[in-house]
Amino acid sequence: VDYKKIEKKIVGLGAKKIADELIVEKYYDFEDNRITKSKGMFRLRKAGEKVEFAYKQRKNVKDFLVFDEFETEVNNFDIVDKIIEKLDFKTIIHRRKNRKTFVFKKLKIEIHRYPIIPAFFELEGTKEDVKKFLDKLGYQMSQTTSMTDTEIINSYKK
């Protein structure tokens, strides 16, 4: 999407920007890739000064990307990264992106910009709220995807 246009539309609908930050992420797995194979994610993320440590397990939900999430804040990205490596996890992804975050009622809207692919946006909320906001933006569910960021990035490599 044209991120400047979509941001203007989002704000024009009454959403409030709550963050514009550089995100640094590292994803880890065992040597046999059992986390990835089971559609899980083991991640360390730094967003501004906030550092999050998370495990996510993807659920099978039609048309939507849904995870069981276990997440906590930690103090130091580099130290937690070293601990994870000492536990024999391997880094499978290390990347940076710019993320703008907005809120509209109970909905969270994020615009993701990676240096290697076009920008895209993500809506997080109830199915009903997501569908209503998509409609306000002029999109339909058939124009969306339930792919993760990694799956979107990989789709451009093909």
N, C-alpha and C. Protein backbone atom coordinates (compact mmCIF):
# COMPACT_ATOMS: atom_id res chain seq x y z
N VAL A 1 0.84 -1.19 0.00
CA VAL A 1 0.00 0.00 0.00
C VAL A 1 0.88 1.25 0.00
N ASP A 2 0.31 2.33 -0.41
CA ASP A 2 0.96 3.62 -0.29
C ASP A 2 0.78 4.05 1.17
N TYR A 3 1.83 3.92 1.95
CA TYR A 3 1.68 4.10 3.40
C TYR A 3 1.28 5.52 3.78
N LYS A 4 1.68 6.51 3.00
CA LYS A 4 1.28 7.89 3.32
C LYS A 4 -0.22 8.08 3.10
N LYS A 5 -0.73 7.49 2.02
CA LYS A 5 -2.17 7.59 1.74
C LYS A 5 -2.99 6.85 2.79
N ILE A 6 -2.56 5.64 3.13
CA ILE A 6 -3.33 4.83 4.08
C ILE A 6 -3.28 5.48 5.46
N GLU A 7 -2.14 6.08 5.83
CA GLU A 7 -2.04 6.76 7.12
C GLU A 7 -3.02 7.95 7.14
N LYS A 8 -3.09 8.69 6.05
CA LYS A 8 -4.02 9.83 5.97
C LYS A 8 -5.47 9.36 6.13
N LYS A 9 -5.81 8.24 5.48
CA LYS A 9 -7.17 7.68 5.60
C LYS A 9 -7.47 7.24 7.02
N ILE A 10 -6.51 6.55 7.63
CA ILE A 10 -6.68 6.04 9.00
C ILE A 10 -6.92 7.20 9.97
N VAL A 11 -6.09 8.23 9.88
CA VAL A 11 -6.23 9.39 10.75
C VAL A 11 -7.53 10.13 10.43
N GLY A 12 -7.88 10.20 9.15
CA GLY A 12 -9.11 10.86 8.73
C GLY A 12 -10.36 10.19 9.28
N LEU A 13 -10.26 8.90 9.56
CA LEU A 13 -11.40 8.17 10.14
C LEU A 13 -11.47 8.32 11.67
N GLY A 14 -10.48 9.02 12.23
CA GLY A 14 -10.52 9.28 13.66
C GLY A 14 -9.54 8.47 14.50
N ALA A 15 -8.68 7.70 13.86
CA ALA A 15 -7.70 6.92 14.61
C ALA A 15 -6.61 7.86 15.16
N LYS A 16 -6.07 7.49 16.30
CA LYS A 16 -5.02 8.28 16.95
C LYS A 16 -3.69 7.54 16.85
N LYS A 17 -2.65 8.25 16.36
CA LYS A 17 -1.32 7.65 16.30
C LYS A 17 -0.73 7.59 17.70
N ILE A 18 -0.29 6.38 18.10
CA ILE A 18 0.28 6.23 19.44
C ILE A 18 1.77 5.87 19.41
N ALA A 19 2.28 5.49 18.21
CA ALA A 19 3.70 5.16 18.14
C ALA A 19 4.19 5.23 16.69
N ASP A 20 5.45 5.60 16.55
CA ASP A 20 6.16 5.58 15.27
C ASP A 20 7.59 5.20 15.64
N GLU A 21 7.92 3.93 15.45
CA GLU A 21 9.19 3.46 16.00
C GLU A 21 9.90 2.44 15.12
N LEU A 22 11.20 2.36 15.35
CA LEU A 22 12.02 1.33 14.72
C LEU A 22 11.87 0.07 15.57
N ILE A 23 11.61 -1.04 14.90
CA ILE A 23 11.48 -2.33 15.57
C ILE A 23 12.66 -3.21 15.16
N VAL A 24 13.31 -3.82 16.14
CA VAL A 24 14.37 -4.79 15.88
C VAL A 24 13.86 -6.11 16.43
N GLU A 25 13.85 -7.15 15.56
CA GLU A 25 13.31 -8.45 15.96
C GLU A 25 14.32 -9.55 15.68
N LYS A 26 14.34 -10.51 16.59
CA LYS A 26 15.09 -11.75 16.36
C LYS A 26 14.15 -12.91 16.66
N TYR A 27 14.12 -13.87 15.75
CA TYR A 27 13.34 -15.09 15.93
C TYR A 27 14.31 -16.24 16.07
N TYR A 28 13.93 -17.21 16.89
CA TYR A 28 14.82 -18.33 17.22
C TYR A 28 14.09 -19.65 17.02
N ASP A 29 14.89 -20.70 16.83
CA ASP A 29 14.34 -22.05 16.75
C ASP A 29 15.42 -23.03 17.16
N PHE A 30 15.01 -24.28 17.37
CA PHE A 30 15.97 -25.35 17.61
C PHE A 30 16.62 -25.72 16.28
N GLU A 31 17.68 -26.49 16.32
CA GLU A 31 18.36 -26.93 15.10
C GLU A 31 17.42 -27.68 14.15
N ASP A 32 16.47 -28.43 14.72
CA ASP A 32 15.55 -29.21 13.87
C ASP A 32 14.31 -28.41 13.43
N ASN A 33 14.29 -27.13 13.75
CA ASN A 33 13.19 -26.22 13.35
C ASN A 33 11.82 -26.64 13.85
N ARG A 34 11.75 -27.29 14.99
CA ARG A 34 10.45 -27.79 15.46
C ARG A 34 9.47 -26.69 15.83
N ILE A 35 9.96 -25.52 16.23
CA ILE A 35 9.04 -24.41 16.54
C ILE A 35 8.38 -23.93 15.25
N THR A 36 9.18 -23.68 14.24
CA THR A 36 8.66 -23.22 12.94
C THR A 36 7.74 -24.27 12.32
N LYS A 37 8.14 -25.52 12.37
CA LYS A 37 7.33 -26.60 11.78
C LYS A 37 5.96 -26.71 12.46
N SER A 38 5.89 -26.37 13.74
CA SER A 38 4.61 -26.45 14.46
C SER A 38 3.83 -25.13 14.37
N LYS A 39 4.27 -24.23 13.49
CA LYS A 39 3.66 -22.91 13.29
C LYS A 39 3.73 -22.04 14.54
N GLY A 40 4.84 -22.21 15.27
CA GLY A 40 5.09 -21.38 16.43
C GLY A 40 6.13 -20.32 16.12
N MET A 41 6.29 -19.37 17.05
CA MET A 41 7.28 -18.31 16.91
C MET A 41 7.88 -18.03 18.28
N PHE A 42 9.18 -17.97 18.34
CA PHE A 42 9.91 -17.65 19.55
C PHE A 42 10.69 -16.37 19.23
N ARG A 43 10.32 -15.25 19.86
CA ARG A 43 10.80 -13.95 19.40
C ARG A 43 11.26 -13.05 20.53
N LEU A 44 12.29 -12.26 20.22
CA LEU A 44 12.75 -11.17 21.05
C LEU A 44 12.62 -9.91 20.21
N ARG A 45 11.97 -8.88 20.76
CA ARG A 45 11.70 -7.66 19.97
C ARG A 45 12.01 -6.42 20.80
N LYS A 46 12.64 -5.46 20.14
CA LYS A 46 12.87 -4.15 20.76
C LYS A 46 12.09 -3.12 19.95
N ALA A 47 11.18 -2.41 20.62
CA ALA A 47 10.38 -1.37 19.99
C ALA A 47 10.61 -0.10 20.80
N GLY A 48 11.42 0.78 20.25
CA GLY A 48 11.82 1.95 21.03
C GLY A 48 12.64 1.48 22.22
N GLU A 49 12.23 1.82 23.42
CA GLU A 49 12.94 1.37 24.63
C GLU A 49 12.33 0.10 25.23
N LYS A 50 11.21 -0.34 24.69
CA LYS A 50 10.50 -1.51 25.23
C LYS A 50 11.06 -2.79 24.60
N VAL A 51 11.34 -3.79 25.44
CA VAL A 51 11.86 -5.08 24.96
C VAL A 51 10.87 -6.17 25.38
N GLU A 52 10.42 -6.95 24.39
CA GLU A 52 9.44 -8.01 24.64
C GLU A 52 10.04 -9.36 24.26
N PHE A 53 9.69 -10.35 25.05
CA PHE A 53 10.12 -11.72 24.87
C PHE A 53 8.84 -12.53 24.71
N ALA A 54 8.70 -13.31 23.62
CA ALA A 54 7.40 -13.94 23.36
C ALA A 54 7.53 -15.31 22.71
N TYR A 55 6.53 -16.13 23.00
CA TYR A 55 6.29 -17.37 22.26
C TYR A 55 4.86 -17.28 21.76
N LYS A 56 4.67 -17.56 20.48
CA LYS A 56 3.33 -17.53 19.88
C LYS A 56 3.09 -18.85 19.17
N GLN A 57 1.86 -19.35 19.29
CA GLN A 57 1.47 -20.58 18.60
C GLN A 57 0.26 -20.25 17.73
N ARG A 58 0.43 -20.45 16.42
CA ARG A 58 -0.63 -20.12 15.47
C ARG A 58 -1.82 -21.05 15.63
N LYS A 59 -3.02 -20.46 15.56
CA LYS A 59 -4.26 -21.23 15.62
C LYS A 59 -4.85 -21.28 14.21
N ASN A 60 -5.59 -22.32 13.94
CA ASN A 60 -6.25 -22.45 12.64
C ASN A 60 -7.59 -21.72 12.66
N VAL A 61 -7.60 -20.51 12.13
CA VAL A 61 -8.81 -19.70 12.05
C VAL A 61 -8.92 -19.18 10.62
N LYS A 62 -10.05 -19.46 9.98
CA LYS A 62 -10.24 -19.07 8.58
C LYS A 62 -10.20 -17.55 8.42
N ASP A 63 -9.44 -17.08 7.45
CA ASP A 63 -9.36 -15.67 7.02
C ASP A 63 -8.65 -14.73 8.00
N PHE A 64 -8.29 -15.19 9.19
CA PHE A 64 -7.66 -14.32 10.17
C PHE A 64 -6.39 -14.97 10.69
N LEU A 65 -5.43 -14.13 11.09
CA LEU A 65 -4.20 -14.61 11.70
C LEU A 65 -4.39 -14.52 13.22
N VAL A 66 -4.45 -15.69 13.88
CA VAL A 66 -4.73 -15.74 15.31
C VAL A 66 -3.67 -16.60 15.99
N PHE A 67 -3.17 -16.12 17.12
CA PHE A 67 -2.15 -16.83 17.89
C PHE A 67 -2.56 -16.94 19.34
N ASP A 68 -2.14 -18.04 20.00
CA ASP A 68 -2.07 -18.07 21.45
C ASP A 68 -0.73 -17.40 21.74
N GLU A 69 -0.73 -16.38 22.59
CA GLU A 69 0.49 -15.61 22.82
C GLU A 69 0.88 -15.62 24.29
N PHE A 70 2.18 -15.80 24.51
CA PHE A 70 2.77 -15.74 25.85
C PHE A 70 3.90 -14.74 25.76
N GLU A 71 3.71 -13.58 26.38
CA GLU A 71 4.65 -12.49 26.19
C GLU A 71 4.92 -11.78 27.50
N THR A 72 6.17 -11.33 27.66
CA THR A 72 6.52 -10.55 28.84
C THR A 72 7.57 -9.52 28.44
N GLU A 73 7.64 -8.46 29.22
CA GLU A 73 8.68 -7.46 29.00
C GLU A 73 9.94 -7.87 29.75
N VAL A 74 11.07 -7.58 29.13
CA VAL A 74 12.38 -7.82 29.76
C VAL A 74 13.17 -6.51 29.68
N ASN A 75 14.27 -6.43 30.42
CA ASN A 75 15.00 -5.17 30.49
C ASN A 75 16.04 -4.96 29.41
N ASN A 76 16.70 -6.03 28.97
CA ASN A 76 17.87 -5.83 28.12
C ASN A 76 17.86 -6.79 26.93
N PHE A 77 17.69 -6.26 25.73
CA PHE A 77 17.64 -7.06 24.50
C PHE A 77 18.90 -7.90 24.35
N ASP A 78 20.07 -7.28 24.47
CA ASP A 78 21.33 -7.98 24.21
C ASP A 78 21.58 -9.12 25.19
N ILE A 79 21.27 -8.91 26.45
CA ILE A 79 21.50 -9.97 27.45
C ILE A 79 20.54 -11.15 27.21
N VAL A 80 19.27 -10.86 26.96
CA VAL A 80 18.31 -11.94 26.71
C VAL A 80 18.70 -12.69 25.43
N ASP A 81 19.16 -11.98 24.42
CA ASP A 81 19.63 -12.62 23.18
C ASP A 81 20.78 -13.59 23.48
N LYS A 82 21.72 -13.17 24.31
CA LYS A 82 22.87 -14.04 24.67
C LYS A 82 22.40 -15.26 25.45
N ILE A 83 21.44 -15.08 26.36
CA ILE A 83 20.91 -16.22 27.13
C ILE A 83 20.27 -17.23 26.17
N ILE A 84 19.47 -16.74 25.25
CA ILE A 84 18.81 -17.63 24.28
C ILE A 84 19.84 -18.40 23.46
N GLU A 85 20.88 -17.70 23.01
CA GLU A 85 21.93 -18.38 22.24
C GLU A 85 22.67 -19.41 23.09
N LYS A 86 22.91 -19.11 24.37
CA LYS A 86 23.60 -20.05 25.27
C LYS A 86 22.75 -21.30 25.53
N LEU A 87 21.44 -21.17 25.34
CA LEU A 87 20.55 -22.32 25.50
C LEU A 87 20.45 -23.14 24.21
N ASP A 88 21.32 -22.84 23.25
CA ASP A 88 21.44 -23.57 21.98
C ASP A 88 20.30 -23.34 20.98
N PHE A 89 19.63 -22.20 21.10
CA PHE A 89 18.69 -21.82 20.05
C PHE A 89 19.49 -21.13 18.95
N LYS A 90 19.03 -21.27 17.73
CA LYS A 90 19.68 -20.58 16.62
C LYS A 90 18.80 -19.42 16.18
N THR A 91 19.44 -18.35 15.74
CA THR A 91 18.71 -17.22 15.19
C THR A 91 18.29 -17.58 13.77
N ILE A 92 16.99 -17.50 13.49
CA ILE A 92 16.51 -17.81 12.14
C ILE A 92 16.11 -16.55 11.38
N ILE A 93 15.81 -15.48 12.11
CA ILE A 93 15.48 -14.19 11.48
C ILE A 93 16.03 -13.08 12.37
N HIS A 94 16.66 -12.11 11.75
CA HIS A 94 17.10 -10.90 12.45
C HIS A 94 16.80 -9.75 11.50
N ARG A 95 15.84 -8.90 11.86
CA ARG A 95 15.42 -7.86 10.92
C ARG A 95 14.97 -6.60 11.64
N ARG A 96 14.83 -5.55 10.82
CA ARG A 96 14.37 -4.25 11.30
C ARG A 96 13.20 -3.78 10.44
N LYS A 97 12.29 -3.04 11.06
CA LYS A 97 11.20 -2.43 10.32
C LYS A 97 10.78 -1.16 11.03
N ASN A 98 10.08 -0.31 10.30
CA ASN A 98 9.45 0.85 10.90
C ASN A 98 7.99 0.50 11.08
N ARG A 99 7.45 0.82 12.26
CA ARG A 99 6.04 0.51 12.52
C ARG A 99 5.35 1.74 13.11
N LYS A 100 4.26 2.13 12.46
CA LYS A 100 3.40 3.18 13.01
C LYS A 100 2.17 2.50 13.55
N THR A 101 1.79 2.86 14.79
CA THR A 101 0.66 2.23 15.45
C THR A 101 -0.41 3.28 15.75
N PHE A 102 -1.65 2.90 15.46
CA PHE A 102 -2.81 3.76 15.68
C PHE A 102 -3.85 2.98 16.46
N VAL A 103 -4.73 3.70 17.16
CA VAL A 103 -5.88 3.06 17.80
C VAL A 103 -7.14 3.76 17.32
N PHE A 104 -8.16 2.95 17.12
CA PHE A 104 -9.48 3.43 16.73
C PHE A 104 -10.49 2.62 17.52
N LYS A 105 -11.08 3.25 18.53
CA LYS A 105 -11.96 2.55 19.47
C LYS A 105 -11.18 1.37 20.06
N LYS A 106 -11.62 0.12 19.85
CA LYS A 106 -10.91 -1.05 20.40
C LYS A 106 -9.96 -1.69 19.39
N LEU A 107 -9.83 -1.08 18.22
CA LEU A 107 -9.02 -1.64 17.13
C LEU A 107 -7.60 -1.08 17.16
N LYS A 108 -6.62 -1.93 16.90
CA LYS A 108 -5.24 -1.49 16.76
C LYS A 108 -4.86 -1.62 15.29
N ILE A 109 -4.29 -0.55 14.74
CA ILE A 109 -3.89 -0.53 13.34
C ILE A 109 -2.39 -0.28 13.29
N GLU A 110 -1.68 -1.09 12.51
CA GLU A 110 -0.23 -0.91 12.37
C GLU A 110 0.13 -0.84 10.90
N ILE A 111 0.98 0.11 10.56
CA ILE A 111 1.56 0.17 9.21
C ILE A 111 3.00 -0.31 9.35
N HIS A 112 3.33 -1.37 8.62
CA HIS A 112 4.67 -1.96 8.66
C HIS A 112 5.44 -1.56 7.40
N ARG A 113 6.67 -1.10 7.60
CA ARG A 113 7.53 -0.78 6.46
C ARG A 113 8.89 -1.46 6.64
N TYR A 114 9.14 -2.41 5.74
CA TYR A 114 10.44 -3.07 5.67
C TYR A 114 11.19 -2.48 4.48
N PRO A 115 12.51 -2.46 4.52
CA PRO A 115 13.25 -1.87 3.40
C PRO A 115 13.17 -2.68 2.09
N ILE A 116 12.72 -3.94 2.17
CA ILE A 116 12.81 -4.82 0.99
C ILE A 116 11.48 -5.12 0.30
N ILE A 117 10.35 -4.67 0.87
CA ILE A 117 9.04 -4.92 0.27
C ILE A 117 8.15 -3.69 0.43
N PRO A 118 7.04 -3.62 -0.32
CA PRO A 118 6.12 -2.50 -0.13
C PRO A 118 5.49 -2.52 1.28
N ALA A 119 5.09 -1.36 1.74
CA ALA A 119 4.44 -1.25 3.06
C ALA A 119 3.11 -2.01 3.06
N PHE A 120 2.70 -2.45 4.23
CA PHE A 120 1.38 -3.08 4.40
C PHE A 120 0.85 -2.70 5.77
N PHE A 121 -0.45 -2.90 5.95
CA PHE A 121 -1.02 -2.57 7.26
C PHE A 121 -1.71 -3.79 7.84
N GLU A 122 -1.81 -3.77 9.17
CA GLU A 122 -2.39 -4.87 9.93
C GLU A 122 -3.46 -4.30 10.86
N LEU A 123 -4.57 -5.00 10.94
CA LEU A 123 -5.65 -4.61 11.85
C LEU A 123 -5.78 -5.68 12.92
N GLU A 124 -5.84 -5.26 14.18
CA GLU A 124 -5.94 -6.20 15.29
C GLU A 124 -7.16 -5.84 16.12
N GLY A 125 -8.11 -6.77 16.19
CA GLY A 125 -9.32 -6.55 16.94
C GLY A 125 -10.28 -7.69 16.71
N THR A 126 -11.55 -7.47 17.04
CA THR A 126 -12.55 -8.51 16.80
C THR A 126 -12.79 -8.62 15.29
N LYS A 127 -13.28 -9.78 14.86
CA LYS A 127 -13.56 -9.97 13.44
C LYS A 127 -14.50 -8.89 12.92
N GLU A 128 -15.51 -8.58 13.71
CA GLU A 128 -16.50 -7.58 13.31
C GLU A 128 -15.86 -6.20 13.17
N ASP A 129 -15.05 -5.80 14.15
CA ASP A 129 -14.38 -4.49 14.09
C ASP A 129 -13.42 -4.39 12.92
N VAL A 130 -12.68 -5.47 12.67
CA VAL A 130 -11.74 -5.50 11.54
C VAL A 130 -12.49 -5.32 10.23
N LYS A 131 -13.56 -6.08 10.03
CA LYS A 131 -14.34 -5.99 8.79
C LYS A 131 -14.94 -4.60 8.60
N LYS A 132 -15.46 -4.00 9.66
CA LYS A 132 -16.05 -2.66 9.57
C LYS A 132 -15.01 -1.62 9.19
N PHE A 133 -13.83 -1.70 9.82
CA PHE A 133 -12.79 -0.71 9.52
C PHE A 133 -12.24 -0.89 8.11
N LEU A 134 -12.07 -2.14 7.70
CA LEU A 134 -11.64 -2.41 6.32
C LEU A 134 -12.59 -1.76 5.34
N ASP A 135 -13.88 -1.91 5.59
CA ASP A 135 -14.91 -1.32 4.73
C ASP A 135 -14.77 0.20 4.69
N LYS A 136 -14.53 0.82 5.84
CA LYS A 136 -14.35 2.28 5.90
C LYS A 136 -13.13 2.72 5.10
N LEU A 137 -12.11 1.85 5.05
CA LEU A 137 -10.89 2.16 4.29
C LEU A 137 -11.07 1.88 2.79
N GLY A 138 -12.17 1.22 2.43
CA GLY A 138 -12.42 0.91 1.03
C GLY A 138 -11.86 -0.44 0.59
N TYR A 139 -11.61 -1.33 1.56
CA TYR A 139 -11.10 -2.67 1.25
C TYR A 139 -12.14 -3.72 1.62
N GLN A 140 -11.97 -4.90 1.01
CA GLN A 140 -12.83 -6.04 1.34
C GLN A 140 -11.95 -7.16 1.88
N MET A 141 -12.56 -8.11 2.58
CA MET A 141 -11.81 -9.24 3.14
C MET A 141 -11.07 -10.01 2.05
N SER A 142 -11.61 -10.06 0.85
CA SER A 142 -10.97 -10.79 -0.25
C SER A 142 -9.63 -10.14 -0.65
N GLN A 143 -9.39 -8.90 -0.22
CA GLN A 143 -8.14 -8.21 -0.53
C GLN A 143 -7.12 -8.33 0.60
N THR A 144 -7.44 -9.12 1.61
CA THR A 144 -6.55 -9.25 2.76
C THR A 144 -5.84 -10.60 2.75
N THR A 145 -4.95 -10.75 3.68
CA THR A 145 -4.25 -12.01 3.86
C THR A 145 -4.14 -12.32 5.35
N SER A 146 -4.00 -13.59 5.66
CA SER A 146 -3.75 -13.98 7.06
C SER A 146 -2.30 -14.44 7.21
N MET A 147 -1.43 -13.97 6.31
CA MET A 147 -0.01 -14.33 6.39
C MET A 147 0.69 -13.52 7.48
N THR A 148 1.74 -14.10 8.04
CA THR A 148 2.61 -13.39 8.98
C THR A 148 3.52 -12.45 8.19
N ASP A 149 4.22 -11.58 8.89
CA ASP A 149 5.20 -10.71 8.22
C ASP A 149 6.21 -11.54 7.44
N THR A 150 6.72 -12.59 8.05
CA THR A 150 7.72 -13.45 7.40
C THR A 150 7.15 -14.07 6.13
N GLU A 151 5.92 -14.54 6.18
CA GLU A 151 5.30 -15.13 4.99
C GLU A 151 5.10 -14.08 3.90
N ILE A 152 4.74 -12.86 4.28
CA ILE A 152 4.60 -11.78 3.30
C ILE A 152 5.94 -11.48 2.65
N ILE A 153 6.98 -11.33 3.45
CA ILE A 153 8.32 -11.04 2.93
C ILE A 153 8.76 -12.16 1.98
N ASN A 154 8.56 -13.41 2.41
CA ASN A 154 8.96 -14.55 1.57
C ASN A 154 8.19 -14.62 0.27
N SER A 155 6.95 -14.14 0.26
CA SER A 155 6.15 -14.17 -0.98
C SER A 155 6.73 -13.24 -2.04
N TYR A 156 7.48 -12.22 -1.64
CA TYR A 156 8.13 -11.31 -2.58
C TYR A 156 9.43 -11.87 -3.12
N LYS A 157 9.96 -12.90 -2.48
CA LYS A 157 11.22 -13.50 -2.91
C LYS A 157 11.01 -14.49 -4.05
N LYS A 158 9.75 -14.90 -4.26
CA LYS A 158 9.46 -15.93 -5.26
C LYS A 158 9.44 -15.37 -6.66
